[in-house]
Amino acid sequence: MKISVITPTFNRANTLPRALETVLTQTCQPFEHLITDNLSTDGTTAVVENYARRAPYRVLHLREQDTGVANAMNKGIARASGDAIYILNDDDAIADAHVFRLLSACMEQTAADLVYGDVFWLNPDTGAKTLRRHNQVNKMTLAHKGMNQPAMLHRRSVYQRCGVYDESYRIAGDHEWLLRAFLKHDVPATYLRYPMAVCSLGGLSNAEKWRQRASEERHRAMATWFSAQEVARSRAYRQIFRKLPFGTQLFHLFQPLKLRIRSVCPAGPGFRPDLAAMLGF
């Protein structure tokens, strides 16, 4: 499967090399890497030029002003020519050298439009990592928070079906897109129990100075795709039922939860059903 990697960036010459190195070391290397650069004024151009000289695949450096991350991602999607799209933030990293191989094989074998896994949250001050699993994604959990962008591989055709990112969202455009894809277009997805990326705390979506706006945008997305009653039920699910043994199964009796998602684990050259995830664990 030909993977197009897209990396939006702006003045991150200090963190961008780490992200690029983790693409370069993939055992299943990408078809191309599009770096959408919002006219960075630091050493970003030199970083990209050095990377392009070493990469055995096409590296396209798009240096032009954008109106935000959603606009930058959309520019990359418009120029991408691979079968699948992987979006890597300029301060994040791919978890290990096998991620692209696993994601692409899983997408092909499960015929999913979207494959996603888990992430490590990295505290850049201490170096400590915390694993965040995405094994309980359903209609109620998705109301408040989606999967981290670098944990996902998108089939390129899914953007033709669902549309690209809504550029009126400065921070939560990826969350709104997931709600639209699952709730309106019923995209088939696969959860693969495997850490896909290392995401740095302090990025745009979780930095303190942007936290209020991020919260406002997530609430706007919720109000677009959920009724007020569903929003209230989602809070009860997250605060109470989700924490109870078999609480998910109980809650599903009066509020449908399931999305079109199957769960698998790596097993040799293929994958096996992830029974724990199916039960909400």
Protein backbone atom coordinates (compact mmCIF):
# COMPACT_ATOMS: atom_id res chain seq x y z
CA MET A 1 0.00 0.00 0.00
CA LYS A 2 1.39 3.40 -1.01
CA ILE A 3 1.34 5.72 1.99
CA SER A 4 1.42 9.51 1.65
CA VAL A 5 2.69 11.16 4.84
CA ILE A 6 1.56 14.73 5.55
CA THR A 7 3.30 16.92 8.13
CA PRO A 8 1.97 20.44 8.78
CA THR A 9 4.68 22.59 10.34
CA PHE A 10 5.54 26.10 11.46
CA ASN A 11 8.80 27.12 13.14
CA ARG A 12 9.48 23.69 14.66
CA ALA A 13 13.04 23.16 13.44
CA ASN A 14 13.87 21.90 16.93
CA THR A 15 11.32 19.05 16.96
CA LEU A 16 10.77 18.37 13.24
CA PRO A 17 13.98 16.29 12.77
CA ARG A 18 12.80 13.70 15.30
CA ALA A 19 9.48 13.32 13.49
CA LEU A 20 11.18 12.98 10.09
CA GLU A 21 13.71 10.44 11.34
CA THR A 22 10.93 8.12 12.48
CA VAL A 23 9.46 8.18 8.97
CA LEU A 24 12.86 7.48 7.43
CA THR A 25 13.41 4.40 9.61
CA GLN A 26 10.14 2.61 8.71
CA THR A 27 10.62 -0.94 7.44
CA CYS A 28 7.73 -0.26 5.06
CA GLN A 29 8.71 3.13 3.73
CA PRO A 30 6.15 5.64 2.47
CA PHE A 31 5.44 6.49 -1.14
CA GLU A 32 5.92 10.21 -0.49
CA HIS A 33 6.13 12.80 2.28
CA LEU A 34 4.43 16.17 1.92
CA ILE A 35 5.56 18.83 4.38
CA THR A 36 3.15 21.77 4.42
CA ASP A 37 5.14 24.65 5.85
CA ASN A 38 3.42 27.89 6.90
CA LEU A 39 6.42 30.00 5.77
CA SER A 40 8.62 29.07 8.74
CA THR A 41 11.31 31.62 9.57
CA ASP A 42 13.62 29.33 11.56
CA GLY A 43 15.80 26.51 10.22
CA THR A 44 12.92 24.41 8.90
CA THR A 45 13.96 24.69 5.25
CA ALA A 46 17.43 23.35 6.00
CA VAL A 47 15.95 20.49 8.02
CA VAL A 48 13.66 19.51 5.15
CA GLU A 49 16.42 19.80 2.54
CA ASN A 50 18.69 17.52 4.57
CA TYR A 51 15.85 15.03 5.01
CA ALA A 52 14.97 15.09 1.30
CA ARG A 53 18.56 14.27 0.32
CA ARG A 54 18.50 11.16 2.50
CA ALA A 55 14.97 9.91 1.79
CA PRO A 56 14.54 7.21 -0.90
CA TYR A 57 11.02 8.50 -1.58
CA ARG A 58 9.61 11.80 -2.81
CA VAL A 59 9.70 14.68 -0.32
CA LEU A 60 7.62 17.70 -1.29
CA HIS A 61 8.18 20.90 0.71
CA LEU A 62 5.11 23.13 0.29
CA ARG A 63 6.10 26.56 1.56
CA GLU A 64 3.07 28.83 1.52
CA GLN A 65 0.93 30.64 4.03
CA ASP A 66 -1.97 28.72 5.47
CA THR A 67 -4.92 29.65 7.66
CA GLY A 68 -4.44 26.93 10.26
CA VAL A 69 -3.72 23.24 10.73
CA ALA A 70 -6.90 22.13 8.93
CA ASN A 71 -5.96 24.20 5.89
CA ALA A 72 -2.43 22.79 5.96
CA MET A 73 -3.72 19.20 6.14
CA ASN A 74 -6.19 19.84 3.32
CA LYS A 75 -3.42 21.19 1.10
CA GLY A 76 -1.45 18.01 1.69
CA ILE A 77 -4.46 15.80 0.97
CA ALA A 78 -5.10 17.65 -2.29
CA ARG A 79 -1.52 17.00 -3.44
CA ALA A 80 -1.21 13.43 -2.14
CA SER A 81 -1.18 10.58 -4.64
CA GLY A 82 -0.82 7.51 -2.41
CA ASP A 83 -3.46 4.92 -1.55
CA ALA A 84 -3.53 5.95 2.11
CA ILE A 85 -2.74 9.07 4.14
CA TYR A 86 -0.89 9.31 7.44
CA ILE A 87 -0.73 12.68 9.21
CA LEU A 88 2.28 13.22 11.47
CA ASN A 89 2.52 16.39 13.55
CA ASP A 90 5.85 18.22 13.60
CA ASP A 91 6.37 17.63 17.35
CA ASP A 92 5.29 13.98 17.41
CA ALA A 93 7.02 10.77 16.35
CA ILE A 94 6.15 7.31 15.05
CA ALA A 95 6.42 4.78 17.86
CA ASP A 96 8.69 2.24 16.13
CA ALA A 97 9.92 1.06 12.74
CA HIS A 98 7.05 -1.39 12.16
CA VAL A 99 4.08 0.99 12.38
CA PHE A 100 3.56 1.63 8.64
CA ARG A 101 3.88 -2.09 7.86
CA LEU A 102 1.26 -2.99 10.46
CA LEU A 103 -1.14 -0.18 9.58
CA SER A 104 -1.06 -0.85 5.84
CA ALA A 105 -1.34 -4.64 6.24
CA CYS A 106 -4.25 -4.21 8.64
CA MET A 107 -6.02 -1.83 6.27
CA GLU A 108 -5.67 -4.27 3.39
CA GLN A 109 -6.64 -7.39 5.34
CA THR A 110 -9.65 -5.88 7.14
CA ALA A 111 -10.86 -3.72 4.21
CA ALA A 112 -11.14 -0.71 6.52
CA ASP A 113 -11.25 2.93 5.45
CA LEU A 114 -9.58 3.91 8.73
CA VAL A 115 -7.14 1.96 10.91
CA TYR A 116 -6.04 3.32 14.28
CA GLY A 117 -4.07 2.20 17.30
CA ASP A 118 -2.74 3.53 20.59
CA VAL A 119 -0.33 6.35 21.45
CA PHE A 120 2.21 7.26 24.09
CA TRP A 121 1.88 10.73 25.63
CA LEU A 122 5.34 12.19 26.17
CA ASN A 123 6.10 14.77 28.85
CA PRO A 124 8.93 16.75 27.20
CA ASP A 125 10.09 18.09 30.56
CA THR A 126 10.58 14.74 32.27
CA GLY A 127 10.75 12.31 29.35
CA ALA A 128 8.04 10.17 30.97
CA LYS A 129 5.66 8.29 28.66
CA THR A 130 2.06 7.33 29.40
CA LEU A 131 0.19 4.87 27.20
CA ARG A 132 -3.22 6.00 26.00
CA ARG A 133 -5.33 3.22 24.52
CA HIS A 134 -8.05 3.85 21.97
CA ASN A 135 -9.72 0.50 22.63
CA GLN A 136 -13.05 1.92 23.83
CA VAL A 137 -14.06 4.12 20.91
CA ASN A 138 -17.83 4.16 20.56
CA LYS A 139 -20.56 6.71 19.94
CA MET A 140 -20.48 8.07 23.50
CA THR A 141 -16.70 8.30 23.93
CA LEU A 142 -16.34 9.90 20.50
CA ALA A 143 -18.73 12.66 21.52
CA HIS A 144 -16.05 14.20 23.75
CA LYS A 145 -12.75 13.11 22.30
CA GLY A 146 -11.44 11.33 19.25
CA MET A 147 -8.31 9.35 18.47
CA ASN A 148 -4.97 11.11 18.22
CA GLN A 149 -4.13 12.01 14.64
CA PRO A 150 -0.75 10.17 14.42
CA ALA A 151 -2.44 6.96 15.60
CA MET A 152 -4.47 6.71 12.37
CA LEU A 153 -4.05 5.67 8.76
CA HIS A 154 -6.76 6.94 6.37
CA ARG A 155 -7.60 5.42 3.03
CA ARG A 156 -7.31 8.36 0.61
CA SER A 157 -10.74 7.60 -0.88
CA VAL A 158 -12.38 8.19 2.53
CA TYR A 159 -11.71 11.92 2.12
CA GLN A 160 -13.52 11.86 -1.22
CA ARG A 161 -16.46 10.21 0.51
CA CYS A 162 -16.56 12.21 3.76
CA GLY A 163 -14.94 15.48 2.68
CA VAL A 164 -11.79 17.06 4.07
CA TYR A 165 -11.26 18.96 7.34
CA ASP A 166 -13.56 21.87 8.18
CA GLU A 167 -11.25 24.89 8.15
CA SER A 168 -13.53 26.91 10.43
CA TYR A 169 -12.07 24.80 13.27
CA ARG A 170 -8.69 26.10 14.42
CA ILE A 171 -7.86 23.13 16.68
CA ALA A 172 -10.59 20.47 16.71
CA GLY A 173 -11.03 19.98 12.96
CA ASP A 174 -9.79 16.40 13.18
CA HIS A 175 -12.36 15.65 15.91
CA GLU A 176 -15.21 17.12 13.87
CA TRP A 177 -14.07 15.07 10.86
CA LEU A 178 -14.21 11.83 12.88
CA LEU A 179 -17.75 12.60 14.05
CA ARG A 180 -18.79 13.32 10.47
CA ALA A 181 -17.08 10.18 9.14
CA PHE A 182 -18.54 7.79 11.72
CA LEU A 183 -21.98 9.30 12.35
CA LYS A 184 -22.91 10.53 8.87
CA HIS A 185 -20.94 8.27 6.55
CA ASP A 186 -20.65 5.11 8.71
CA VAL A 187 -17.04 4.48 7.70
CA PRO A 188 -15.68 0.99 8.40
CA ALA A 189 -12.72 1.17 10.78
CA THR A 190 -10.35 -1.20 12.56
CA TYR A 191 -8.76 -0.73 15.97
CA LEU A 192 -5.31 -2.35 16.05
CA ARG A 193 -4.01 -2.85 19.59
CA TYR A 194 -0.49 -1.50 19.07
CA PRO A 195 1.24 1.80 19.96
CA MET A 196 1.49 3.86 16.78
CA ALA A 197 2.96 7.19 17.86
CA VAL A 198 4.59 9.25 20.59
CA CYS A 199 2.67 12.51 21.03
CA SER A 200 4.19 15.44 22.90
CA LEU A 201 2.22 17.22 25.58
CA GLY A 202 2.10 20.94 24.90
CA GLY A 203 1.03 20.68 21.27
CA LEU A 204 -1.64 22.91 19.79
CA SER A 205 -4.57 20.76 20.93
CA ASN A 206 -3.45 20.45 24.57
CA ALA A 207 -1.33 23.54 25.26
CA GLU A 208 -2.64 25.64 28.13
CA LYS A 209 -3.10 28.82 26.10
CA TRP A 210 -5.28 26.99 23.53
CA ARG A 211 -7.22 24.81 25.96
CA GLN A 212 -10.28 27.07 26.16
CA ARG A 213 -10.60 27.35 22.40
CA ALA A 214 -10.12 23.61 21.97
CA SER A 215 -12.92 22.98 24.48
CA GLU A 216 -15.23 25.43 22.70
CA GLU A 217 -14.57 23.82 19.33
CA ARG A 218 -15.20 20.30 20.65
CA HIS A 219 -18.52 21.47 22.10
CA ARG A 220 -19.42 23.01 18.74
CA ALA A 221 -18.66 19.72 17.00
CA MET A 222 -20.76 17.83 19.58
CA ALA A 223 -23.69 20.19 19.10
CA THR A 224 -23.47 19.64 15.35
CA TRP A 225 -23.57 15.85 15.43
CA PHE A 226 -25.36 14.99 18.69
CA SER A 227 -28.68 15.94 20.25
CA ALA A 228 -28.70 17.59 23.69
CA GLN A 229 -30.05 14.33 25.15
CA GLU A 230 -27.19 12.33 23.62
CA VAL A 231 -24.62 14.78 24.99
CA ALA A 232 -26.10 14.38 28.50
CA ARG A 233 -26.08 10.60 28.15
CA SER A 234 -22.48 10.65 26.94
CA ARG A 235 -21.43 12.42 30.14
CA ALA A 236 -23.21 9.81 32.28
CA TYR A 237 -21.51 7.06 30.29
CA ARG A 238 -18.03 8.54 30.65
CA GLN A 239 -18.38 9.41 34.35
CA ILE A 240 -20.25 6.33 35.60
CA PHE A 241 -21.05 3.42 33.29
CA ARG A 242 -17.70 3.20 31.53
CA LYS A 243 -15.96 2.62 34.87
CA LEU A 244 -18.23 -0.25 35.94
CA PRO A 245 -17.59 -3.92 35.09
CA PHE A 246 -19.62 -4.59 31.96
CA GLY A 247 -21.01 -1.06 32.24
CA THR A 248 -20.61 -0.56 28.50
CA GLN A 249 -22.77 -3.60 27.74
CA LEU A 250 -25.41 -2.41 30.24
CA PHE A 251 -25.46 1.12 28.83
CA HIS A 252 -25.84 -0.22 25.29
CA LEU A 253 -29.26 -1.65 26.25
CA PHE A 254 -30.83 1.83 26.28
CA GLN A 255 -28.37 3.88 24.20
CA PRO A 256 -26.81 2.41 21.04
CA LEU A 257 -23.04 2.71 21.28
CA LYS A 258 -21.54 0.67 18.51
CA LEU A 259 -19.82 2.18 15.52
CA ARG A 260 -18.66 0.21 12.51
CA ILE A 261 -15.37 -0.72 14.18
CA ARG A 262 -13.71 -4.11 14.50
CA SER A 263 -10.84 -4.78 16.91
CA VAL A 264 -7.74 -6.85 16.20
CA CYS A 265 -4.27 -7.64 17.59
CA PRO A 266 -1.09 -8.44 15.66
CA ALA A 267 -0.63 -12.22 15.31
CA GLY A 268 2.34 -13.36 13.26
CA PRO A 269 1.99 -12.18 9.67
CA GLY A 270 -1.69 -11.40 10.20
CA PHE A 271 -4.15 -10.32 12.86
CA ARG A 272 -6.56 -11.97 15.29
CA PRO A 273 -9.73 -10.62 16.91
CA ASP A 274 -9.11 -8.55 20.05
CA LEU A 275 -11.75 -10.00 22.39
CA ALA A 276 -10.82 -7.68 25.27
CA ALA A 277 -11.46 -4.58 23.17
CA MET A 278 -14.74 -6.04 21.92
CA LEU A 279 -15.86 -6.29 25.56
CA GLY A 280 -14.74 -2.75 26.30
CA PHE A 281 -11.45 -3.55 28.04
